[in-house]
Amino acid sequence: MEALGGKAGILGAMAGPLHQLPSPLGPLGAEFDAEGRLVRLVRCRGGVTDQPQGSQPKPLPFLIRQLAAYFAGNLRNFNIPLAPAGTEFQRRVWKELGRIPYGQAISYLDLAHRLGDEKCIRAAARANGANPIAILIPCHRVIGSDGSLVGYSGGLDMKEYLLRLEGILPPGPPQPALPLEWS
């Protein structure tokens, strides 16, 4: 995958070292810029191997607590400073994603309409998939027009988990803890 502005999804095979964060989905990795703004939050299958050196970014403990509260169902809005790198259009899409309320989903076509041009649906979908800050920029809240989950860079299991957590999808049957590890 390319760095943040390119084809990057949210699977964690990108640029710099990541701070590992616990989650019910397995380890997440967070990267901050020199000003302490979050530039990347990704799902790290297999864990984080390249830990950052030096002092811990000031917002890191707040991010850990806010994610824990979110996964416990006690937080709906994050207040961590963000600095996602992308094109002007991508940043416009990501800003619009941030306007989707907790517990609600929109379709890719709805997203294109919100951006002012239904013809930009494919570009909006690509920008949605290139979102470098999972969960906090809620790209998981965009679904197919028929209600299907369609794609998600962190994996459809992650998207389904987040949509169930937020009450967008009904609770499913009891599931084993994620991630599953096969022996």
N, C-alpha and C. Protein backbone atom coordinates (compact mmCIF):
# COMPACT_ATOMS: atom_id res chain seq x y z
N MET A 1 0.84 -1.18 0.00
CA MET A 1 0.00 0.00 0.00
C MET A 1 0.87 1.23 0.00
N GLU A 2 0.34 2.30 -0.54
CA GLU A 2 1.06 3.56 -0.55
C GLU A 2 0.82 4.30 0.76
N ALA A 3 1.57 5.37 0.96
CA ALA A 3 1.40 6.18 2.16
C ALA A 3 0.03 6.84 2.19
N LEU A 4 -0.24 7.60 3.19
CA LEU A 4 -1.57 8.09 3.53
C LEU A 4 -2.41 8.63 2.39
N GLY A 5 -1.87 9.43 1.51
CA GLY A 5 -2.70 10.05 0.49
C GLY A 5 -3.02 9.14 -0.67
N GLY A 6 -2.40 7.98 -0.78
CA GLY A 6 -2.58 7.12 -1.94
C GLY A 6 -3.65 6.08 -1.74
N LYS A 7 -3.32 4.83 -2.02
CA LYS A 7 -4.28 3.74 -2.00
C LYS A 7 -4.46 3.15 -0.61
N ALA A 8 -3.98 3.82 0.39
CA ALA A 8 -4.00 3.28 1.74
C ALA A 8 -5.41 3.02 2.22
N GLY A 9 -5.61 1.87 2.76
CA GLY A 9 -6.85 1.55 3.44
C GLY A 9 -6.58 1.65 4.92
N ILE A 10 -7.19 0.77 5.72
CA ILE A 10 -6.97 0.86 7.15
C ILE A 10 -6.40 -0.43 7.72
N LEU A 11 -5.58 -1.12 6.99
CA LEU A 11 -5.03 -2.38 7.47
C LEU A 11 -3.64 -2.29 8.07
N GLY A 12 -3.00 -1.17 8.04
CA GLY A 12 -1.76 -1.04 8.77
C GLY A 12 -0.49 -1.46 8.07
N ALA A 13 -0.44 -1.47 6.77
CA ALA A 13 0.79 -1.80 6.07
C ALA A 13 1.35 -0.52 5.44
N MET A 14 1.44 0.54 6.25
CA MET A 14 1.83 1.83 5.70
C MET A 14 3.07 2.37 6.38
N ALA A 15 3.24 3.66 6.30
CA ALA A 15 4.44 4.43 6.60
C ALA A 15 5.15 4.15 7.92
N GLY A 16 5.01 5.03 8.90
CA GLY A 16 5.85 5.02 10.08
C GLY A 16 5.45 4.03 11.16
N PRO A 17 6.22 4.05 12.27
CA PRO A 17 5.92 3.15 13.38
C PRO A 17 4.60 3.52 14.06
N LEU A 18 4.00 2.53 14.67
CA LEU A 18 2.68 2.69 15.28
C LEU A 18 2.71 2.40 16.76
N HIS A 19 1.92 3.15 17.51
CA HIS A 19 1.68 2.85 18.92
C HIS A 19 0.57 1.81 18.96
N GLN A 20 0.80 0.69 19.62
CA GLN A 20 -0.20 -0.37 19.67
C GLN A 20 -1.25 -0.05 20.73
N LEU A 21 -2.52 -0.23 20.35
CA LEU A 21 -3.65 0.02 21.23
C LEU A 21 -4.50 -1.24 21.31
N PRO A 22 -5.01 -1.57 22.49
CA PRO A 22 -5.89 -2.75 22.59
C PRO A 22 -7.29 -2.42 22.07
N SER A 23 -7.95 -3.44 21.54
CA SER A 23 -9.35 -3.29 21.13
C SER A 23 -9.98 -4.67 21.05
N PRO A 24 -11.30 -4.75 21.08
CA PRO A 24 -11.97 -6.04 20.91
C PRO A 24 -11.76 -6.64 19.53
N LEU A 25 -11.27 -5.84 18.59
CA LEU A 25 -11.02 -6.29 17.23
C LEU A 25 -9.58 -6.76 17.04
N GLY A 26 -8.82 -6.80 18.11
CA GLY A 26 -7.40 -7.09 18.01
C GLY A 26 -6.65 -5.78 18.07
N PRO A 27 -5.34 -5.83 17.94
CA PRO A 27 -4.57 -4.60 18.10
C PRO A 27 -4.85 -3.57 17.01
N LEU A 28 -4.90 -2.32 17.45
CA LEU A 28 -4.98 -1.18 16.55
C LEU A 28 -3.63 -0.47 16.63
N GLY A 29 -3.27 0.22 15.57
CA GLY A 29 -2.04 1.00 15.57
C GLY A 29 -2.35 2.45 15.32
N ALA A 30 -1.72 3.33 16.12
CA ALA A 30 -1.93 4.77 15.98
C ALA A 30 -0.61 5.47 15.67
N GLU A 31 -0.67 6.40 14.74
CA GLU A 31 0.49 7.21 14.39
C GLU A 31 0.11 8.68 14.57
N PHE A 32 1.02 9.44 15.16
CA PHE A 32 0.80 10.86 15.41
C PHE A 32 1.85 11.67 14.68
N ASP A 33 1.50 12.92 14.34
CA ASP A 33 2.48 13.81 13.74
C ASP A 33 3.26 14.53 14.85
N ALA A 34 4.19 15.39 14.48
CA ALA A 34 5.05 16.09 15.44
C ALA A 34 4.25 16.98 16.39
N GLU A 35 3.07 17.45 15.96
CA GLU A 35 2.23 18.28 16.82
C GLU A 35 1.30 17.46 17.70
N GLY A 36 1.39 16.13 17.62
CA GLY A 36 0.55 15.27 18.45
C GLY A 36 -0.83 15.00 17.88
N ARG A 37 -1.02 15.31 16.60
CA ARG A 37 -2.32 15.02 15.96
C ARG A 37 -2.30 13.61 15.39
N LEU A 38 -3.42 12.94 15.49
CA LEU A 38 -3.55 11.58 14.97
C LEU A 38 -3.58 11.63 13.45
N VAL A 39 -2.66 10.91 12.80
CA VAL A 39 -2.64 10.87 11.34
C VAL A 39 -3.07 9.51 10.80
N ARG A 40 -3.07 8.50 11.68
CA ARG A 40 -3.42 7.16 11.21
C ARG A 40 -3.89 6.33 12.39
N LEU A 41 -5.00 5.61 12.19
CA LEU A 41 -5.49 4.62 13.15
C LEU A 41 -5.93 3.43 12.32
N VAL A 42 -5.24 2.32 12.48
CA VAL A 42 -5.45 1.16 11.62
C VAL A 42 -5.58 -0.12 12.44
N ARG A 43 -6.22 -1.08 11.86
CA ARG A 43 -6.28 -2.43 12.44
C ARG A 43 -4.99 -3.14 12.05
N CYS A 44 -4.32 -3.70 13.03
CA CYS A 44 -3.03 -4.35 12.79
C CYS A 44 -3.15 -5.85 13.05
N ARG A 45 -3.43 -6.56 12.02
CA ARG A 45 -3.52 -8.02 12.16
C ARG A 45 -2.13 -8.55 12.44
N GLY A 46 -1.99 -9.28 13.52
CA GLY A 46 -0.69 -9.81 13.90
C GLY A 46 0.08 -8.89 14.82
N GLY A 47 -0.48 -7.73 15.16
CA GLY A 47 0.16 -6.83 16.10
C GLY A 47 1.10 -5.84 15.43
N VAL A 48 1.59 -4.93 16.24
CA VAL A 48 2.50 -3.88 15.80
C VAL A 48 3.92 -4.37 16.03
N THR A 49 4.75 -4.32 15.00
CA THR A 49 6.12 -4.81 15.13
C THR A 49 7.13 -3.69 15.27
N ASP A 50 6.83 -2.49 14.77
CA ASP A 50 7.78 -1.39 14.78
C ASP A 50 7.25 -0.28 15.69
N GLN A 51 7.58 -0.35 16.99
CA GLN A 51 7.12 0.63 17.96
C GLN A 51 7.89 1.94 17.81
N PRO A 52 7.21 3.09 17.99
CA PRO A 52 7.88 4.38 17.90
C PRO A 52 8.91 4.55 19.02
N GLN A 53 9.94 5.32 18.74
CA GLN A 53 10.96 5.65 19.72
C GLN A 53 10.66 7.04 20.27
N GLY A 54 11.21 7.36 21.42
CA GLY A 54 11.05 8.70 21.98
C GLY A 54 9.83 8.80 22.87
N SER A 55 9.45 10.03 23.16
CA SER A 55 8.36 10.26 24.09
C SER A 55 7.01 9.92 23.46
N GLN A 56 6.08 9.61 24.33
CA GLN A 56 4.73 9.26 23.91
C GLN A 56 3.97 10.53 23.54
N PRO A 57 3.21 10.53 22.44
CA PRO A 57 2.41 11.71 22.10
C PRO A 57 1.40 12.01 23.20
N LYS A 58 1.22 13.28 23.49
CA LYS A 58 0.32 13.70 24.57
C LYS A 58 -1.10 13.12 24.43
N PRO A 59 -1.68 13.06 23.22
CA PRO A 59 -3.06 12.55 23.11
C PRO A 59 -3.19 11.02 23.21
N LEU A 60 -2.07 10.28 23.21
CA LEU A 60 -2.17 8.81 23.19
C LEU A 60 -2.99 8.24 24.35
N PRO A 61 -2.74 8.62 25.60
CA PRO A 61 -3.57 8.04 26.68
C PRO A 61 -5.04 8.42 26.56
N PHE A 62 -5.33 9.62 26.03
CA PHE A 62 -6.71 10.03 25.84
C PHE A 62 -7.37 9.18 24.75
N LEU A 63 -6.62 8.91 23.68
CA LEU A 63 -7.15 8.06 22.61
C LEU A 63 -7.44 6.66 23.14
N ILE A 64 -6.54 6.11 23.94
CA ILE A 64 -6.75 4.77 24.51
C ILE A 64 -8.02 4.76 25.35
N ARG A 65 -8.19 5.77 26.21
CA ARG A 65 -9.39 5.82 27.06
C ARG A 65 -10.66 6.03 26.25
N GLN A 66 -10.58 6.90 25.23
CA GLN A 66 -11.76 7.15 24.42
C GLN A 66 -12.16 5.92 23.61
N LEU A 67 -11.18 5.20 23.07
CA LEU A 67 -11.51 3.97 22.33
C LEU A 67 -12.12 2.93 23.27
N ALA A 68 -11.58 2.80 24.48
CA ALA A 68 -12.14 1.85 25.45
C ALA A 68 -13.59 2.22 25.77
N ALA A 69 -13.86 3.51 25.96
CA ALA A 69 -15.23 3.95 26.24
C ALA A 69 -16.14 3.72 25.03
N TYR A 70 -15.63 3.95 23.83
CA TYR A 70 -16.41 3.70 22.62
C TYR A 70 -16.78 2.22 22.52
N PHE A 71 -15.79 1.35 22.69
CA PHE A 71 -16.06 -0.08 22.57
C PHE A 71 -16.95 -0.59 23.70
N ALA A 72 -16.98 0.10 24.83
CA ALA A 72 -17.88 -0.26 25.93
C ALA A 72 -19.29 0.30 25.71
N GLY A 73 -19.47 1.08 24.64
CA GLY A 73 -20.77 1.67 24.34
C GLY A 73 -21.05 2.95 25.10
N ASN A 74 -20.01 3.56 25.66
CA ASN A 74 -20.19 4.76 26.49
C ASN A 74 -19.71 6.05 25.84
N LEU A 75 -19.24 6.02 24.62
CA LEU A 75 -18.74 7.22 23.95
C LEU A 75 -19.23 7.23 22.51
N ARG A 76 -19.73 8.35 22.09
CA ARG A 76 -20.23 8.48 20.71
C ARG A 76 -19.42 9.45 19.88
N ASN A 77 -18.74 10.39 20.50
CA ASN A 77 -17.98 11.40 19.79
C ASN A 77 -16.57 11.49 20.37
N PHE A 78 -15.59 11.52 19.50
CA PHE A 78 -14.20 11.61 19.90
C PHE A 78 -13.75 13.07 19.82
N ASN A 79 -12.76 13.43 20.64
CA ASN A 79 -12.22 14.79 20.57
C ASN A 79 -10.69 14.79 20.50
N ILE A 80 -10.15 13.82 19.81
CA ILE A 80 -8.71 13.72 19.58
C ILE A 80 -8.38 14.60 18.37
N PRO A 81 -7.32 15.38 18.42
CA PRO A 81 -6.95 16.18 17.23
C PRO A 81 -6.51 15.28 16.08
N LEU A 82 -7.08 15.52 14.90
CA LEU A 82 -6.83 14.70 13.72
C LEU A 82 -6.10 15.49 12.65
N ALA A 83 -5.28 14.80 11.87
CA ALA A 83 -4.59 15.41 10.73
C ALA A 83 -4.44 14.36 9.63
N PRO A 84 -5.56 13.90 9.04
CA PRO A 84 -5.44 12.91 7.98
C PRO A 84 -4.84 13.53 6.72
N ALA A 85 -3.88 12.86 6.13
CA ALA A 85 -3.27 13.34 4.90
C ALA A 85 -4.01 12.77 3.71
N GLY A 86 -4.36 13.63 2.78
CA GLY A 86 -5.06 13.18 1.58
C GLY A 86 -5.25 14.35 0.64
N THR A 87 -5.87 14.07 -0.48
CA THR A 87 -6.16 15.12 -1.45
C THR A 87 -7.26 16.03 -0.89
N GLU A 88 -7.47 17.15 -1.54
CA GLU A 88 -8.54 18.06 -1.11
C GLU A 88 -9.89 17.34 -1.16
N PHE A 89 -10.14 16.55 -2.21
CA PHE A 89 -11.41 15.82 -2.33
C PHE A 89 -11.53 14.78 -1.22
N GLN A 90 -10.47 14.03 -0.95
CA GLN A 90 -10.52 13.03 0.12
C GLN A 90 -10.85 13.68 1.46
N ARG A 91 -10.18 14.79 1.76
CA ARG A 91 -10.43 15.47 3.03
C ARG A 91 -11.87 15.98 3.10
N ARG A 92 -12.42 16.39 1.97
CA ARG A 92 -13.83 16.81 1.93
C ARG A 92 -14.76 15.64 2.24
N VAL A 93 -14.45 14.49 1.65
CA VAL A 93 -15.25 13.28 1.92
C VAL A 93 -15.13 12.91 3.38
N TRP A 94 -13.91 12.91 3.93
CA TRP A 94 -13.72 12.52 5.33
C TRP A 94 -14.44 13.47 6.28
N LYS A 95 -14.47 14.76 5.93
CA LYS A 95 -15.20 15.72 6.75
C LYS A 95 -16.69 15.38 6.73
N GLU A 96 -17.19 15.00 5.56
CA GLU A 96 -18.61 14.63 5.45
C GLU A 96 -18.90 13.35 6.24
N LEU A 97 -17.97 12.41 6.24
CA LEU A 97 -18.15 11.19 7.03
C LEU A 97 -18.32 11.54 8.51
N GLY A 98 -17.57 12.53 8.96
CA GLY A 98 -17.66 12.95 10.35
C GLY A 98 -19.01 13.53 10.72
N ARG A 99 -19.82 13.88 9.74
CA ARG A 99 -21.16 14.41 9.99
C ARG A 99 -22.22 13.32 10.11
N ILE A 100 -21.84 12.07 9.84
CA ILE A 100 -22.81 10.97 9.97
C ILE A 100 -22.93 10.66 11.46
N PRO A 101 -24.11 10.84 12.04
CA PRO A 101 -24.24 10.62 13.48
C PRO A 101 -24.02 9.16 13.89
N TYR A 102 -23.54 9.00 15.11
CA TYR A 102 -23.41 7.68 15.72
C TYR A 102 -24.77 6.98 15.62
N GLY A 103 -24.76 5.71 15.27
CA GLY A 103 -26.00 4.95 15.20
C GLY A 103 -26.76 5.11 13.91
N GLN A 104 -26.20 5.81 12.94
CA GLN A 104 -26.86 5.97 11.64
C GLN A 104 -25.90 5.58 10.53
N ALA A 105 -26.46 5.15 9.43
CA ALA A 105 -25.65 4.80 8.25
C ALA A 105 -26.26 5.49 7.04
N ILE A 106 -25.41 5.75 6.06
CA ILE A 106 -25.86 6.29 4.79
C ILE A 106 -25.30 5.41 3.68
N SER A 107 -25.85 5.54 2.49
CA SER A 107 -25.34 4.78 1.35
C SER A 107 -24.25 5.60 0.65
N TYR A 108 -23.50 4.93 -0.21
CA TYR A 108 -22.50 5.63 -1.01
C TYR A 108 -23.17 6.69 -1.88
N LEU A 109 -24.37 6.40 -2.39
CA LEU A 109 -25.10 7.38 -3.18
C LEU A 109 -25.49 8.58 -2.33
N ASP A 110 -25.93 8.33 -1.09
CA ASP A 110 -26.24 9.43 -0.17
C ASP A 110 -25.00 10.29 0.07
N LEU A 111 -23.86 9.64 0.21
CA LEU A 111 -22.61 10.37 0.42
C LEU A 111 -22.32 11.27 -0.78
N ALA A 112 -22.49 10.74 -1.98
CA ALA A 112 -22.27 11.54 -3.19
C ALA A 112 -23.23 12.73 -3.24
N HIS A 113 -24.49 12.50 -2.87
CA HIS A 113 -25.46 13.60 -2.84
C HIS A 113 -25.05 14.66 -1.82
N ARG A 114 -24.57 14.23 -0.67
CA ARG A 114 -24.12 15.18 0.36
C ARG A 114 -22.94 16.01 -0.13
N LEU A 115 -22.15 15.42 -1.02
CA LEU A 115 -21.01 16.13 -1.59
C LEU A 115 -21.42 17.04 -2.75
N GLY A 116 -22.70 16.94 -3.15
CA GLY A 116 -23.22 17.84 -4.17
C GLY A 116 -23.23 17.30 -5.58
N ASP A 117 -22.87 16.04 -5.79
CA ASP A 117 -22.82 15.51 -7.15
C ASP A 117 -22.91 13.98 -7.12
N GLU A 118 -24.05 13.45 -7.49
CA GLU A 118 -24.21 12.00 -7.45
C GLU A 118 -23.27 11.28 -8.41
N LYS A 119 -22.73 12.00 -9.39
CA LYS A 119 -21.79 11.39 -10.33
C LYS A 119 -20.44 11.09 -9.69
N CYS A 120 -20.18 11.66 -8.51
CA CYS A 120 -18.90 11.42 -7.85
C CYS A 120 -18.94 10.20 -6.93
N ILE A 121 -19.94 9.35 -7.10
CA ILE A 121 -20.13 8.22 -6.19
C ILE A 121 -18.89 7.31 -6.14
N ARG A 122 -18.29 7.01 -7.27
CA ARG A 122 -17.11 6.12 -7.26
C ARG A 122 -15.91 6.80 -6.61
N ALA A 123 -15.71 8.07 -6.92
CA ALA A 123 -14.60 8.81 -6.29
C ALA A 123 -14.82 8.92 -4.79
N ALA A 124 -16.06 9.14 -4.38
CA ALA A 124 -16.37 9.22 -2.95
C ALA A 124 -16.14 7.87 -2.28
N ALA A 125 -16.50 6.79 -2.96
CA ALA A 125 -16.26 5.45 -2.40
C ALA A 125 -14.76 5.18 -2.27
N ARG A 126 -13.97 5.60 -3.26
CA ARG A 126 -12.51 5.42 -3.17
C ARG A 126 -11.94 6.24 -2.02
N ALA A 127 -12.40 7.47 -1.87
CA ALA A 127 -11.93 8.31 -0.76
C ALA A 127 -12.33 7.70 0.58
N ASN A 128 -13.52 7.16 0.64
CA ASN A 128 -13.98 6.48 1.86
C ASN A 128 -13.04 5.33 2.20
N GLY A 129 -12.67 4.55 1.19
CA GLY A 129 -11.77 3.42 1.39
C GLY A 129 -10.34 3.82 1.71
N ALA A 130 -9.96 5.04 1.39
CA ALA A 130 -8.60 5.52 1.66
C ALA A 130 -8.50 6.23 3.01
N ASN A 131 -9.57 6.24 3.77
CA ASN A 131 -9.58 6.89 5.07
C ASN A 131 -8.47 6.32 5.96
N PRO A 132 -7.52 7.16 6.40
CA PRO A 132 -6.42 6.63 7.21
C PRO A 132 -6.72 6.55 8.71
N ILE A 133 -7.87 7.09 9.14
CA ILE A 133 -8.17 7.11 10.57
C ILE A 133 -9.49 6.38 10.81
N ALA A 134 -9.37 5.06 10.98
CA ALA A 134 -10.55 4.22 11.20
C ALA A 134 -11.26 4.64 12.48
N ILE A 135 -12.52 4.35 12.55
CA ILE A 135 -13.39 4.53 13.71
C ILE A 135 -13.65 6.01 13.99
N LEU A 136 -12.61 6.83 14.19
CA LEU A 136 -12.82 8.24 14.51
C LEU A 136 -13.38 9.01 13.32
N ILE A 137 -12.93 8.69 12.12
CA ILE A 137 -13.57 9.17 10.89
C ILE A 137 -14.41 7.98 10.43
N PRO A 138 -15.72 8.01 10.67
CA PRO A 138 -16.54 6.80 10.61
C PRO A 138 -16.93 6.31 9.21
N CYS A 139 -15.93 5.87 8.46
CA CYS A 139 -16.19 5.33 7.13
C CYS A 139 -17.01 4.04 7.19
N HIS A 140 -17.03 3.38 8.36
CA HIS A 140 -17.82 2.15 8.51
C HIS A 140 -19.32 2.43 8.44
N ARG A 141 -19.74 3.67 8.57
CA ARG A 141 -21.16 4.03 8.54
C ARG A 141 -21.70 4.22 7.13
N VAL A 142 -20.89 3.91 6.12
CA VAL A 142 -21.34 4.00 4.73
C VAL A 142 -21.54 2.57 4.21
N ILE A 143 -22.76 2.32 3.72
CA ILE A 143 -23.14 0.97 3.28
C ILE A 143 -23.71 1.05 1.87
N GLY A 144 -23.98 -0.11 1.28
CA GLY A 144 -24.58 -0.15 -0.04
C GLY A 144 -26.02 0.34 -0.01
N SER A 145 -26.53 0.79 -1.16
CA SER A 145 -27.90 1.29 -1.26
C SER A 145 -28.92 0.24 -0.87
N ASP A 146 -28.57 -1.03 -1.03
CA ASP A 146 -29.49 -2.11 -0.67
C ASP A 146 -29.30 -2.57 0.78
N GLY A 147 -28.46 -1.86 1.54
CA GLY A 147 -28.23 -2.21 2.94
C GLY A 147 -27.07 -3.17 3.14
N SER A 148 -26.45 -3.62 2.05
CA SER A 148 -25.34 -4.55 2.18
C SER A 148 -24.10 -3.83 2.71
N LEU A 149 -23.21 -4.58 3.34
CA LEU A 149 -22.02 -3.99 3.93
C LEU A 149 -20.98 -3.59 2.91
N VAL A 150 -20.99 -4.20 1.76
CA VAL A 150 -19.98 -4.00 0.70
C VAL A 150 -18.58 -4.00 1.30
N GLY A 151 -17.66 -3.23 0.76
CA GLY A 151 -16.26 -3.34 1.19
C GLY A 151 -15.92 -2.53 2.42
N TYR A 152 -14.79 -2.90 3.02
CA TYR A 152 -14.24 -2.16 4.15
C TYR A 152 -12.79 -2.57 4.29
N SER A 153 -11.91 -1.59 4.28
CA SER A 153 -10.48 -1.89 4.29
C SER A 153 -10.03 -2.66 5.52
N GLY A 154 -10.68 -2.46 6.65
CA GLY A 154 -10.32 -3.18 7.87
C GLY A 154 -10.91 -4.57 7.93
N GLY A 155 -11.68 -4.95 6.92
CA GLY A 155 -12.32 -6.25 6.88
C GLY A 155 -13.80 -6.12 7.19
N LEU A 156 -14.61 -6.90 6.50
CA LEU A 156 -16.06 -6.82 6.72
C LEU A 156 -16.43 -7.24 8.14
N ASP A 157 -15.62 -8.10 8.78
CA ASP A 157 -15.91 -8.47 10.16
C ASP A 157 -15.80 -7.25 11.08
N MET A 158 -14.83 -6.39 10.82
CA MET A 158 -14.67 -5.17 11.61
C MET A 158 -15.84 -4.22 11.37
N LYS A 159 -16.21 -4.04 10.11
CA LYS A 159 -17.32 -3.15 9.77
C LYS A 159 -18.60 -3.65 10.44
N GLU A 160 -18.87 -4.93 10.34
CA GLU A 160 -20.07 -5.49 10.95
C GLU A 160 -20.05 -5.29 12.46
N TYR A 161 -18.90 -5.53 13.09
CA TYR A 161 -18.76 -5.35 14.53
C TYR A 161 -19.09 -3.91 14.92
N LEU A 162 -18.52 -2.94 14.21
CA LEU A 162 -18.74 -1.53 14.54
C LEU A 162 -20.20 -1.13 14.32
N LEU A 163 -20.81 -1.62 13.25
CA LEU A 163 -22.22 -1.30 12.99
C LEU A 163 -23.14 -1.93 14.03
N ARG A 164 -22.82 -3.11 14.50
CA ARG A 164 -23.61 -3.73 15.57
C ARG A 164 -23.40 -2.98 16.89
N LEU A 165 -22.17 -2.60 17.17
CA LEU A 165 -21.86 -1.85 18.38
C LEU A 165 -22.68 -0.56 18.44
N GLU A 166 -22.80 0.12 17.30
CA GLU A 166 -23.52 1.39 17.25
C GLU A 166 -25.03 1.22 17.09
N GLY A 167 -25.50 -0.02 16.99
CA GLY A 167 -26.93 -0.27 16.88
C GLY A 167 -27.48 -0.08 15.48
N ILE A 168 -26.62 0.06 14.50
CA ILE A 168 -27.06 0.21 13.11
C ILE A 168 -27.56 -1.13 12.59
N LEU A 169 -26.86 -2.19 12.95
CA LEU A 169 -27.31 -3.55 12.66
C LEU A 169 -27.84 -4.16 13.95
N PRO A 170 -28.85 -5.02 13.84
CA PRO A 170 -29.37 -5.65 15.06
C PRO A 170 -28.30 -6.56 15.67
N PRO A 171 -28.40 -6.78 16.98
CA PRO A 171 -27.44 -7.70 17.60
C PRO A 171 -27.53 -9.06 16.93
N GLY A 172 -26.40 -9.65 16.69
CA GLY A 172 -26.35 -10.97 16.08
C GLY A 172 -26.25 -12.03 17.15
N PRO A 173 -26.17 -13.27 16.72
CA PRO A 173 -25.97 -14.35 17.69
C PRO A 173 -24.61 -14.16 18.36
N PRO A 174 -24.45 -14.71 19.55
CA PRO A 174 -23.15 -14.57 20.22
C PRO A 174 -22.02 -15.04 19.33
N GLN A 175 -20.97 -14.23 19.27
CA GLN A 175 -19.82 -14.52 18.43
C GLN A 175 -18.59 -14.71 19.29
N PRO A 176 -17.65 -15.53 18.83
CA PRO A 176 -16.39 -15.64 19.57
C PRO A 176 -15.65 -14.31 19.52
N ALA A 177 -14.81 -14.08 20.50
CA ALA A 177 -14.04 -12.84 20.54
C ALA A 177 -13.17 -12.72 19.29
N LEU A 178 -13.05 -11.51 18.78
CA LEU A 178 -12.20 -11.24 17.63
C LEU A 178 -10.82 -10.86 18.14
N PRO A 179 -9.76 -11.08 17.45
CA PRO A 179 -9.70 -11.84 16.22
C PRO A 179 -9.61 -13.33 16.51
N LEU A 180 -10.11 -14.11 15.60
CA LEU A 180 -9.98 -15.56 15.73
C LEU A 180 -8.58 -15.98 15.32
N GLU A 181 -8.00 -16.87 16.06
CA GLU A 181 -6.68 -17.39 15.70
C GLU A 181 -6.79 -18.89 15.55
N TRP A 182 -6.32 -19.37 14.43
CA TRP A 182 -6.41 -20.80 14.15
C TRP A 182 -5.11 -21.47 14.50
N SER A 183 -5.21 -22.60 15.14
CA SER A 183 -4.01 -23.34 15.53
C SER A 183 -3.60 -24.30 14.44
